[in-house]
N, C-alpha and C. Protein backbone atom coordinates (compact mmCIF):
# COMPACT_ATOMS: atom_id res chain seq x y z
N MET A 1 91.57 65.13 98.95
CA MET A 1 92.37 66.08 98.21
C MET A 1 93.13 66.95 99.22
N LYS A 2 94.37 67.21 98.96
CA LYS A 2 95.21 68.03 99.82
C LYS A 2 95.10 69.49 99.42
N THR A 3 95.42 70.38 100.36
CA THR A 3 95.39 71.81 100.08
C THR A 3 96.67 72.47 100.59
N MET A 4 96.94 73.67 100.07
CA MET A 4 98.03 74.53 100.51
C MET A 4 97.47 75.93 100.62
N THR A 5 98.04 76.76 101.49
CA THR A 5 97.63 78.15 101.58
C THR A 5 98.86 79.05 101.55
N HIS A 6 98.66 80.24 100.98
CA HIS A 6 99.72 81.26 100.91
C HIS A 6 99.05 82.61 100.72
N ARG A 7 99.37 83.55 101.59
CA ARG A 7 98.85 84.92 101.50
C ARG A 7 97.33 84.97 101.38
N GLY A 8 96.66 84.07 102.06
CA GLY A 8 95.20 84.05 102.05
C GLY A 8 94.57 83.29 100.91
N TYR A 9 95.35 82.75 100.01
CA TYR A 9 94.85 81.96 98.88
C TYR A 9 95.05 80.48 99.17
N THR A 10 94.09 79.67 98.73
CA THR A 10 94.14 78.23 98.93
C THR A 10 94.20 77.53 97.59
N ALA A 11 94.99 76.47 97.54
CA ALA A 11 95.08 75.66 96.32
C ALA A 11 94.74 74.22 96.65
N GLU A 12 94.08 73.57 95.73
CA GLU A 12 93.82 72.14 95.82
C GLU A 12 94.91 71.42 95.04
N ILE A 13 95.43 70.36 95.62
CA ILE A 13 96.54 69.62 95.03
C ILE A 13 96.09 68.20 94.69
N ARG A 14 96.54 67.72 93.55
CA ARG A 14 96.30 66.31 93.18
C ARG A 14 97.52 65.79 92.44
N TYR A 15 97.61 64.49 92.31
CA TYR A 15 98.69 63.89 91.56
C TYR A 15 98.18 63.53 90.18
N SER A 16 98.91 63.93 89.15
CA SER A 16 98.53 63.63 87.78
C SER A 16 99.34 62.42 87.29
N GLU A 17 98.67 61.31 87.12
CA GLU A 17 99.33 60.12 86.57
C GLU A 17 99.83 60.40 85.16
N GLU A 18 99.01 61.12 84.41
CA GLU A 18 99.34 61.43 83.02
C GLU A 18 100.64 62.22 82.90
N ASP A 19 100.83 63.21 83.79
CA ASP A 19 102.01 64.06 83.75
C ASP A 19 103.11 63.63 84.71
N SER A 20 102.81 62.65 85.54
CA SER A 20 103.75 62.15 86.55
C SER A 20 104.29 63.25 87.45
N CYS A 21 103.37 64.11 87.91
CA CYS A 21 103.76 65.18 88.84
C CYS A 21 102.54 65.64 89.62
N PHE A 22 102.79 66.44 90.63
CA PHE A 22 101.71 67.04 91.40
C PHE A 22 101.26 68.31 90.69
N VAL A 23 99.96 68.53 90.65
CA VAL A 23 99.42 69.74 90.05
C VAL A 23 98.49 70.40 91.06
N GLY A 24 98.44 71.72 91.00
CA GLY A 24 97.59 72.45 91.91
C GLY A 24 96.86 73.55 91.18
N ARG A 25 95.75 73.98 91.78
CA ARG A 25 94.96 75.08 91.23
C ARG A 25 94.43 75.91 92.38
N VAL A 26 94.61 77.22 92.27
CA VAL A 26 94.09 78.13 93.28
C VAL A 26 92.57 78.14 93.17
N VAL A 27 91.91 77.99 94.30
CA VAL A 27 90.44 77.92 94.33
C VAL A 27 89.86 79.24 94.85
N ASP A 28 88.57 79.39 94.70
CA ASP A 28 87.82 80.54 95.20
C ASP A 28 88.16 81.85 94.50
N ILE A 29 88.65 81.78 93.27
CA ILE A 29 88.83 82.95 92.43
C ILE A 29 88.29 82.60 91.05
N ASP A 30 87.94 83.62 90.29
CA ASP A 30 87.40 83.37 88.95
C ASP A 30 88.50 83.09 87.93
N ASP A 31 89.69 83.63 88.16
CA ASP A 31 90.80 83.40 87.24
C ASP A 31 91.35 81.99 87.42
N ILE A 32 92.00 81.47 86.40
CA ILE A 32 92.64 80.16 86.48
C ILE A 32 94.11 80.37 86.80
N VAL A 33 94.50 79.92 87.99
CA VAL A 33 95.89 80.01 88.42
C VAL A 33 96.30 78.60 88.82
N SER A 34 97.18 78.00 88.01
CA SER A 34 97.61 76.63 88.28
C SER A 34 99.13 76.54 88.27
N PHE A 35 99.64 75.43 88.78
CA PHE A 35 101.08 75.23 88.94
C PHE A 35 101.34 73.74 89.10
N ASP A 36 102.60 73.34 89.02
CA ASP A 36 102.93 71.92 89.19
C ASP A 36 104.34 71.78 89.76
N GLY A 37 104.65 70.58 90.19
CA GLY A 37 105.97 70.28 90.71
C GLY A 37 106.15 68.79 90.90
N ASP A 38 107.39 68.34 90.83
CA ASP A 38 107.69 66.91 91.00
C ASP A 38 107.80 66.50 92.46
N THR A 39 108.14 67.45 93.33
CA THR A 39 108.28 67.17 94.76
C THR A 39 107.42 68.16 95.55
N ALA A 40 107.23 67.86 96.83
CA ALA A 40 106.46 68.78 97.68
C ALA A 40 107.14 70.14 97.74
N GLU A 41 108.45 70.17 97.80
CA GLU A 41 109.18 71.44 97.84
C GLU A 41 109.01 72.22 96.54
N GLU A 42 109.13 71.56 95.39
CA GLU A 42 108.90 72.23 94.10
C GLU A 42 107.47 72.76 94.00
N LEU A 43 106.53 71.95 94.48
CA LEU A 43 105.12 72.34 94.42
C LEU A 43 104.87 73.58 95.28
N ARG A 44 105.41 73.60 96.49
CA ARG A 44 105.25 74.75 97.39
C ARG A 44 105.87 76.01 96.76
N THR A 45 107.08 75.88 96.21
CA THR A 45 107.76 77.01 95.58
C THR A 45 106.95 77.54 94.39
N ALA A 46 106.43 76.62 93.58
CA ALA A 46 105.64 77.02 92.41
C ALA A 46 104.35 77.71 92.84
N PHE A 47 103.69 77.18 93.86
CA PHE A 47 102.44 77.76 94.35
C PHE A 47 102.67 79.17 94.88
N GLU A 48 103.66 79.33 95.75
CA GLU A 48 103.93 80.66 96.31
C GLU A 48 104.33 81.65 95.21
N GLY A 49 105.12 81.19 94.24
CA GLY A 49 105.51 82.05 93.13
C GLY A 49 104.32 82.48 92.29
N MET A 50 103.39 81.56 92.03
CA MET A 50 102.22 81.90 91.22
C MET A 50 101.29 82.86 91.96
N VAL A 51 101.08 82.65 93.25
CA VAL A 51 100.23 83.56 94.02
C VAL A 51 100.86 84.95 94.04
N ASP A 52 102.16 85.02 94.31
CA ASP A 52 102.86 86.31 94.34
C ASP A 52 102.77 87.00 92.97
N PHE A 53 102.95 86.23 91.90
CA PHE A 53 102.86 86.78 90.55
C PHE A 53 101.44 87.26 90.26
N TYR A 54 100.46 86.47 90.64
CA TYR A 54 99.05 86.83 90.43
C TYR A 54 98.73 88.15 91.12
N ILE A 55 99.15 88.29 92.36
CA ILE A 55 98.90 89.53 93.10
C ILE A 55 99.62 90.70 92.44
N GLU A 56 100.86 90.49 92.01
CA GLU A 56 101.63 91.55 91.35
C GLU A 56 100.96 92.01 90.06
N VAL A 57 100.54 91.07 89.24
CA VAL A 57 99.89 91.41 87.96
C VAL A 57 98.57 92.13 88.21
N CYS A 58 97.89 91.75 89.25
CA CYS A 58 96.58 92.32 89.53
C CYS A 58 96.64 93.64 90.31
N GLN A 59 97.80 94.24 90.42
CA GLN A 59 97.91 95.51 91.14
C GLN A 59 97.27 96.67 90.38
N LYS A 60 96.97 96.48 89.12
CA LYS A 60 96.31 97.50 88.32
C LYS A 60 94.90 97.71 88.86
N PRO A 61 94.44 98.94 88.98
CA PRO A 61 93.10 99.20 89.52
C PRO A 61 91.98 98.47 88.79
N GLU A 62 92.13 98.29 87.48
CA GLU A 62 91.06 97.63 86.72
C GLU A 62 91.09 96.11 86.85
N SER A 63 92.08 95.58 87.54
CA SER A 63 92.19 94.13 87.66
C SER A 63 92.69 93.73 89.04
N PRO A 64 91.95 94.05 90.12
CA PRO A 64 92.43 93.72 91.47
C PRO A 64 92.45 92.22 91.72
N PRO A 65 93.34 91.76 92.60
CA PRO A 65 93.37 90.33 92.92
C PRO A 65 92.06 89.91 93.57
N GLN A 66 91.65 88.71 93.28
CA GLN A 66 90.38 88.20 93.80
C GLN A 66 90.63 87.22 94.94
N LYS A 67 89.67 87.15 95.81
CA LYS A 67 89.64 86.10 96.81
C LYS A 67 88.18 85.77 97.05
N HIS A 68 87.88 84.49 97.15
CA HIS A 68 86.55 84.01 97.49
C HIS A 68 85.49 84.37 96.47
N GLY A 69 85.85 84.39 95.19
CA GLY A 69 84.88 84.56 94.12
C GLY A 69 84.17 85.89 94.15
N GLY A 70 83.22 86.05 93.27
CA GLY A 70 82.42 87.26 93.21
C GLY A 70 83.07 88.39 92.43
N GLY A 71 84.31 88.26 92.05
CA GLY A 71 85.01 89.33 91.37
C GLY A 71 84.61 89.51 89.92
N LEU A 72 84.07 88.47 89.32
CA LEU A 72 83.72 88.53 87.91
C LEU A 72 82.66 89.60 87.65
N LEU A 73 81.65 89.67 88.47
CA LEU A 73 80.60 90.65 88.29
C LEU A 73 81.16 92.06 88.40
N SER A 74 82.03 92.29 89.37
CA SER A 74 82.64 93.61 89.52
C SER A 74 83.46 93.97 88.29
N ARG A 75 84.21 93.02 87.75
CA ARG A 75 85.02 93.26 86.57
C ARG A 75 84.15 93.57 85.36
N LEU A 76 83.04 92.84 85.23
CA LEU A 76 82.14 93.09 84.10
C LEU A 76 81.53 94.48 84.20
N ARG A 77 81.13 94.88 85.41
CA ARG A 77 80.56 96.21 85.58
C ARG A 77 81.59 97.28 85.23
N ALA A 78 82.83 97.11 85.67
CA ALA A 78 83.88 98.08 85.38
C ALA A 78 84.13 98.14 83.86
N ALA A 79 84.14 97.00 83.20
CA ALA A 79 84.37 96.97 81.77
C ALA A 79 83.23 97.65 81.02
N LEU A 80 82.01 97.44 81.47
CA LEU A 80 80.85 98.08 80.83
C LEU A 80 80.91 99.60 81.00
N ARG A 81 81.33 100.07 82.17
CA ARG A 81 81.44 101.52 82.40
C ARG A 81 82.49 102.13 81.48
N GLN A 82 83.57 101.40 81.21
CA GLN A 82 84.64 101.91 80.36
C GLN A 82 84.21 102.01 78.90
N THR A 83 83.31 101.15 78.46
CA THR A 83 82.89 101.16 77.06
C THR A 83 81.71 102.10 76.82
N SER A 84 81.11 102.59 77.89
CA SER A 84 79.94 103.50 77.75
C SER A 84 80.37 104.90 77.43
């Protein structure tokens, strides 16, 4: 399996026969961040755009960007504190 990295995030890449394109998924985070492209250039552009978008969306204090897992427990604790 091939990988790509951008801004400290890694994605695993595979070819989907069903969709006739390359698909990727960012690994080591609890959220699902995926992308696709027909060429290596499209795939790279889509990956970098999704990582940048993910980081931008997660700028809120209650939803920081994750790296290397473990963020789910922190999010659950924060959510429990808010409902108490």
